[in-house]
């Protein structure tokens, strides 16, 4: 569980929300009552997609 948390935040703080989201979602499958991660997932899903070009 801790590794999903750390990987999610590593990608999150690097600005790579597309990579952070699956790690946070997996963490919520294991620990569904995790308000901090629930908030991160909502934040990422609401954010407009970033253009890479």
PDB file of N, CA and C in Angstrom:
ATOM      1  N   UNK A   1       0.822  -1.180   0.000  1.00  0.00           N
ATOM      2  CA  UNK A   1       0.000   0.000   0.000  1.00  0.00           C
ATOM      3  C   UNK A   1       0.878   1.260   0.000  1.00  0.00           C
ATOM      4  N   UNK A   2       1.904   1.265   0.801  1.00  0.00           N
ATOM      5  CA  UNK A   2       2.793   2.423   0.902  1.00  0.00           C
ATOM      6  C   UNK A   2       3.460   2.718  -0.439  1.00  0.00           C
ATOM      7  N   UNK A   3       3.809   1.663  -1.178  1.00  0.00           N
ATOM      8  CA  UNK A   3       4.472   1.882  -2.467  1.00  0.00           C
ATOM      9  C   UNK A   3       3.530   2.561  -3.463  1.00  0.00           C
ATOM     10  N   UNK A   4       2.241   2.217  -3.455  1.00  0.00           N
ATOM     11  CA  UNK A   4       1.282   2.883  -4.340  1.00  0.00           C
ATOM     12  C   UNK A   4       1.177   4.367  -3.982  1.00  0.00           C
ATOM     13  N   UNK A   5       1.156   4.641  -2.703  1.00  0.00           N
ATOM     14  CA  UNK A   5       1.096   6.020  -2.203  1.00  0.00           C
ATOM     15  C   UNK A   5       2.315   6.805  -2.696  1.00  0.00           C
ATOM     16  N   UNK A   6       3.490   6.235  -2.509  1.00  0.00           N
ATOM     17  CA  UNK A   6       4.725   6.927  -2.882  1.00  0.00           C
ATOM     18  C   UNK A   6       4.847   7.103  -4.393  1.00  0.00           C
ATOM     19  N   UNK A   7       4.509   6.070  -5.149  1.00  0.00           N
ATOM     20  CA  UNK A   7       4.583   6.184  -6.606  1.00  0.00           C
ATOM     21  C   UNK A   7       3.578   7.209  -7.121  1.00  0.00           C
ATOM     22  N   UNK A   8       2.380   7.179  -6.583  1.00  0.00           N
ATOM     23  CA  UNK A   8       1.379   8.162  -6.983  1.00  0.00           C
ATOM     24  C   UNK A   8       1.867   9.575  -6.752  1.00  0.00           C
ATOM     25  N   UNK A   9       2.409   9.819  -5.569  1.00  0.00           N
ATOM     26  CA  UNK A   9       2.894  11.169  -5.266  1.00  0.00           C
ATOM     27  C   UNK A   9       4.161  11.516  -6.040  1.00  0.00           C
ATOM     28  N   UNK A  10       4.990  10.558  -6.355  1.00  0.00           N
ATOM     29  CA  UNK A  10       6.176  10.849  -7.170  1.00  0.00           C
ATOM     30  C   UNK A  10       5.753  11.403  -8.530  1.00  0.00           C
ATOM     31  N   UNK A  11       4.786  10.742  -9.153  1.00  0.00           N
ATOM     32  CA  UNK A  11       4.291  11.228 -10.440  1.00  0.00           C
ATOM     33  C   UNK A  11       3.509  12.532 -10.280  1.00  0.00           C
ATOM     34  N   UNK A  12       2.724  12.625  -9.220  1.00  0.00           N
ATOM     35  CA  UNK A  12       1.921  13.824  -8.958  1.00  0.00           C
ATOM     36  C   UNK A  12       2.817  15.059  -8.835  1.00  0.00           C
ATOM     37  N   UNK A  13       3.842  14.971  -8.019  1.00  0.00           N
ATOM     38  CA  UNK A  13       4.724  16.124  -7.814  1.00  0.00           C
ATOM     39  C   UNK A  13       5.621  16.394  -9.017  1.00  0.00           C
ATOM     40  N   UNK A  14       5.811  15.387  -9.871  1.00  0.00           N
ATOM     41  CA  UNK A  14       6.547  15.605 -11.117  1.00  0.00           C
ATOM     42  C   UNK A  14       5.647  16.229 -12.185  1.00  0.00           C
ATOM     43  N   UNK A  15       4.351  16.354 -11.868  1.00  0.00           N
ATOM     44  CA  UNK A  15       3.414  16.952 -12.804  1.00  0.00           C
ATOM     45  C   UNK A  15       2.819  15.983 -13.801  1.00  0.00           C
ATOM     46  N   UNK A  16       3.051  14.693 -13.605  1.00  0.00           N
ATOM     47  CA  UNK A  16       2.555  13.670 -14.528  1.00  0.00           C
ATOM     48  C   UNK A  16       1.292  13.033 -13.947  1.00  0.00           C
ATOM     49  N   UNK A  17       0.178  13.733 -14.109  1.00  0.00           N
ATOM     50  CA  UNK A  17      -1.076  13.274 -13.518  1.00  0.00           C
ATOM     51  C   UNK A  17      -1.585  11.988 -14.161  1.00  0.00           C
ATOM     52  N   UNK A  18      -1.294  11.805 -15.453  1.00  0.00           N
ATOM     53  CA  UNK A  18      -1.734  10.591 -16.144  1.00  0.00           C
ATOM     54  C   UNK A  18      -1.083   9.350 -15.540  1.00  0.00           C
ATOM     55  N   UNK A  19       0.128   9.483 -15.050  1.00  0.00           N
ATOM     56  CA  UNK A  19       0.806   8.359 -14.409  1.00  0.00           C
ATOM     57  C   UNK A  19       0.449   8.253 -12.932  1.00  0.00           C
ATOM     58  N   UNK A  20       0.149   9.359 -12.299  1.00  0.00           N
ATOM     59  CA  UNK A  20      -0.204   9.347 -10.875  1.00  0.00           C
ATOM     60  C   UNK A  20      -1.560   8.696 -10.637  1.00  0.00           C
ATOM     61  N   UNK A  21      -2.510   8.972 -11.508  1.00  0.00           N
ATOM     62  CA  UNK A  21      -3.879   8.515 -11.298  1.00  0.00           C
ATOM     63  C   UNK A  21      -4.011   7.009 -11.101  1.00  0.00           C
ATOM     64  N   UNK A  22      -3.415   6.158 -11.936  1.00  0.00           N
ATOM     65  CA  UNK A  22      -3.585   4.716 -11.716  1.00  0.00           C
ATOM     66  C   UNK A  22      -3.042   4.226 -10.371  1.00  0.00           C
ATOM     67  N   UNK A  23      -1.976   4.837  -9.901  1.00  0.00           N
ATOM     68  CA  UNK A  23      -1.424   4.431  -8.603  1.00  0.00           C
ATOM     69  C   UNK A  23      -2.366   4.815  -7.475  1.00  0.00           C
ATOM     70  N   UNK A  24      -2.932   6.010  -7.560  1.00  0.00           N
ATOM     71  CA  UNK A  24      -3.889   6.434  -6.542  1.00  0.00           C
ATOM     72  C   UNK A  24      -5.157   5.585  -6.598  1.00  0.00           C
ATOM     73  N   UNK A  25      -5.610   5.267  -7.802  1.00  0.00           N
ATOM     74  CA  UNK A  25      -6.809   4.430  -7.934  1.00  0.00           C
ATOM     75  C   UNK A  25      -6.571   3.038  -7.356  1.00  0.00           C
ATOM     76  N   UNK A  26      -5.412   2.492  -7.601  1.00  0.00           N
ATOM     77  CA  UNK A  26      -5.086   1.172  -7.045  1.00  0.00           C
ATOM     78  C   UNK A  26      -5.064   1.236  -5.522  1.00  0.00           C
ATOM     79  N   UNK A  27      -4.512   2.282  -4.976  1.00  0.00           N
ATOM     80  CA  UNK A  27      -4.487   2.463  -3.531  1.00  0.00           C
ATOM     81  C   UNK A  27      -5.906   2.505  -2.969  1.00  0.00           C
ATOM     82  N   UNK A  28      -6.818   3.167  -3.671  1.00  0.00           N
ATOM     83  CA  UNK A  28      -8.202   3.231  -3.202  1.00  0.00           C
ATOM     84  C   UNK A  28      -8.917   1.888  -3.309  1.00  0.00           C
ATOM     85  N   UNK A  29      -8.480   1.027  -4.212  1.00  0.00           N
ATOM     86  CA  UNK A  29      -9.039  -0.331  -4.264  1.00  0.00           C
ATOM     87  C   UNK A  29      -8.681  -1.093  -2.991  1.00  0.00           C
ATOM     88  N   UNK A  30      -7.486  -0.863  -2.503  1.00  0.00           N
ATOM     89  CA  UNK A  30      -7.009  -1.550  -1.299  1.00  0.00           C
ATOM     90  C   UNK A  30      -7.554  -0.887  -0.041  1.00  0.00           C
ATOM     91  N   UNK A  31      -7.543   0.437  -0.038  1.00  0.00           N
ATOM     92  CA  UNK A  31      -7.966   1.214   1.140  1.00  0.00           C
ATOM     93  C   UNK A  31      -8.978   2.276   0.689  1.00  0.00           C
ATOM     94  N   UNK A  32     -10.246   1.886   0.523  1.00  0.00           N
ATOM     95  CA  UNK A  32     -11.231   2.813  -0.041  1.00  0.00           C
ATOM     96  C   UNK A  32     -11.538   4.035   0.825  1.00  0.00           C
ATOM     97  N   UNK A  33     -11.330   3.947   2.114  1.00  0.00           N
ATOM     98  CA  UNK A  33     -11.615   5.075   3.000  1.00  0.00           C
ATOM     99  C   UNK A  33     -10.316   5.831   3.300  1.00  0.00           C
ATOM    100  N   UNK A  34      -9.807   6.527   2.298  1.00  0.00           N
ATOM    101  CA  UNK A  34      -8.551   7.271   2.403  1.00  0.00           C
ATOM    102  C   UNK A  34      -8.825   8.668   1.838  1.00  0.00           C
ATOM    103  N   UNK A  35      -9.351   9.572   2.672  1.00  0.00           N
ATOM    104  CA  UNK A  35      -9.803  10.881   2.189  1.00  0.00           C
ATOM    105  C   UNK A  35      -8.754  11.680   1.410  1.00  0.00           C
ATOM    106  N   UNK A  36      -7.520  11.620   1.839  1.00  0.00           N
ATOM    107  CA  UNK A  36      -6.463  12.368   1.147  1.00  0.00           C
ATOM    108  C   UNK A  36      -6.339  11.915  -0.303  1.00  0.00           C
ATOM    109  N   UNK A  37      -6.342  10.613  -0.512  1.00  0.00           N
ATOM    110  CA  UNK A  37      -6.185  10.079  -1.862  1.00  0.00           C
ATOM    111  C   UNK A  37      -7.470  10.255  -2.664  1.00  0.00           C
ATOM    112  N   UNK A  38      -8.610  10.149  -2.017  1.00  0.00           N
ATOM    113  CA  UNK A  38      -9.878  10.430  -2.699  1.00  0.00           C
ATOM    114  C   UNK A  38      -9.865  11.851  -3.255  1.00  0.00           C
ATOM    115  N   UNK A  39      -9.363  12.785  -2.472  1.00  0.00           N
ATOM    116  CA  UNK A  39      -9.280  14.182  -2.911  1.00  0.00           C
ATOM    117  C   UNK A  39      -8.319  14.337  -4.083  1.00  0.00           C
ATOM    118  N   UNK A  40      -7.195  13.643  -4.049  1.00  0.00           N
ATOM    119  CA  UNK A  40      -6.226  13.723  -5.155  1.00  0.00           C
ATOM    120  C   UNK A  40      -6.849  13.189  -6.441  1.00  0.00           C
ATOM    121  N   UNK A  41      -7.544  12.066  -6.345  1.00  0.00           N
ATOM    122  CA  UNK A  41      -8.169  11.476  -7.531  1.00  0.00           C
ATOM    123  C   UNK A  41      -9.209  12.442  -8.105  1.00  0.00           C
ATOM    124  N   UNK A  42     -10.024  13.033  -7.260  1.00  0.00           N
ATOM    125  CA  UNK A  42     -11.012  14.018  -7.738  1.00  0.00           C
ATOM    126  C   UNK A  42     -10.312  15.197  -8.414  1.00  0.00           C
ATOM    127  N   UNK A  43      -9.253  15.672  -7.796  1.00  0.00           N
ATOM    128  CA  UNK A  43      -8.497  16.802  -8.350  1.00  0.00           C
ATOM    129  C   UNK A  43      -7.944  16.473  -9.733  1.00  0.00           C
ATOM    130  N   UNK A  44      -7.342  15.305  -9.865  1.00  0.00           N
ATOM    131  CA  UNK A  44      -6.749  14.904 -11.145  1.00  0.00           C
ATOM    132  C   UNK A  44      -7.832  14.735 -12.204  1.00  0.00           C
ATOM    133  N   UNK A  45      -8.928  14.115 -11.843  1.00  0.00           N
ATOM    134  CA  UNK A  45     -10.003  13.892 -12.815  1.00  0.00           C
ATOM    135  C   UNK A  45     -10.656  15.193 -13.269  1.00  0.00           C
ATOM    136  N   UNK A  46     -10.678  16.205 -12.424  1.00  0.00           N
ATOM    137  CA  UNK A  46     -11.289  17.494 -12.768  1.00  0.00           C
ATOM    138  C   UNK A  46     -10.360  18.386 -13.584  1.00  0.00           C
ATOM    139  N   UNK A  47      -9.076  18.146 -13.497  1.00  0.00           N
ATOM    140  CA  UNK A  47      -8.101  19.004 -14.175  1.00  0.00           C
ATOM    141  C   UNK A  47      -8.202  18.832 -15.687  1.00  0.00           C
ATOM    142  N   UNK A  48      -8.061  19.929 -16.426  1.00  0.00           N
ATOM    143  CA  UNK A  48      -8.057  19.798 -17.886  1.00  0.00           C
ATOM    144  C   UNK A  48      -6.819  19.029 -18.332  1.00  0.00           C
ATOM    145  N   UNK A  49      -6.940  18.255 -19.398  1.00  0.00           N
ATOM    146  CA  UNK A  49      -5.767  17.497 -19.876  1.00  0.00           C
ATOM    147  C   UNK A  49      -4.652  18.434 -20.316  1.00  0.00           C
ATOM    148  N   UNK A  50      -3.434  18.028 -20.046  1.00  0.00           N
ATOM    149  CA  UNK A  50      -2.269  18.827 -20.451  1.00  0.00           C
ATOM    150  C   UNK A  50      -1.832  18.421 -21.844  1.00  0.00           C
ATOM    151  N   UNK A  51      -1.420  19.405 -22.592  1.00  0.00           N
ATOM    152  CA  UNK A  51      -0.872  19.123 -23.923  1.00  0.00           C
ATOM    153  C   UNK A  51       0.633  18.936 -23.790  1.00  0.00           C
ATOM    154  N   UNK A  52       1.152  17.946 -24.490  1.00  0.00           N
ATOM    155  CA  UNK A  52       2.582  17.648 -24.385  1.00  0.00           C
ATOM    156  C   UNK A  52       3.381  18.199 -25.560  1.00  0.00           C
ATOM    157  N   UNK A  53       2.719  18.776 -26.560  1.00  0.00           N
ATOM    158  CA  UNK A  53       3.452  19.264 -27.736  1.00  0.00           C
ATOM    159  C   UNK A  53       3.862  20.702 -27.620  1.00  0.00           C
TER     160      UNK A  53
END
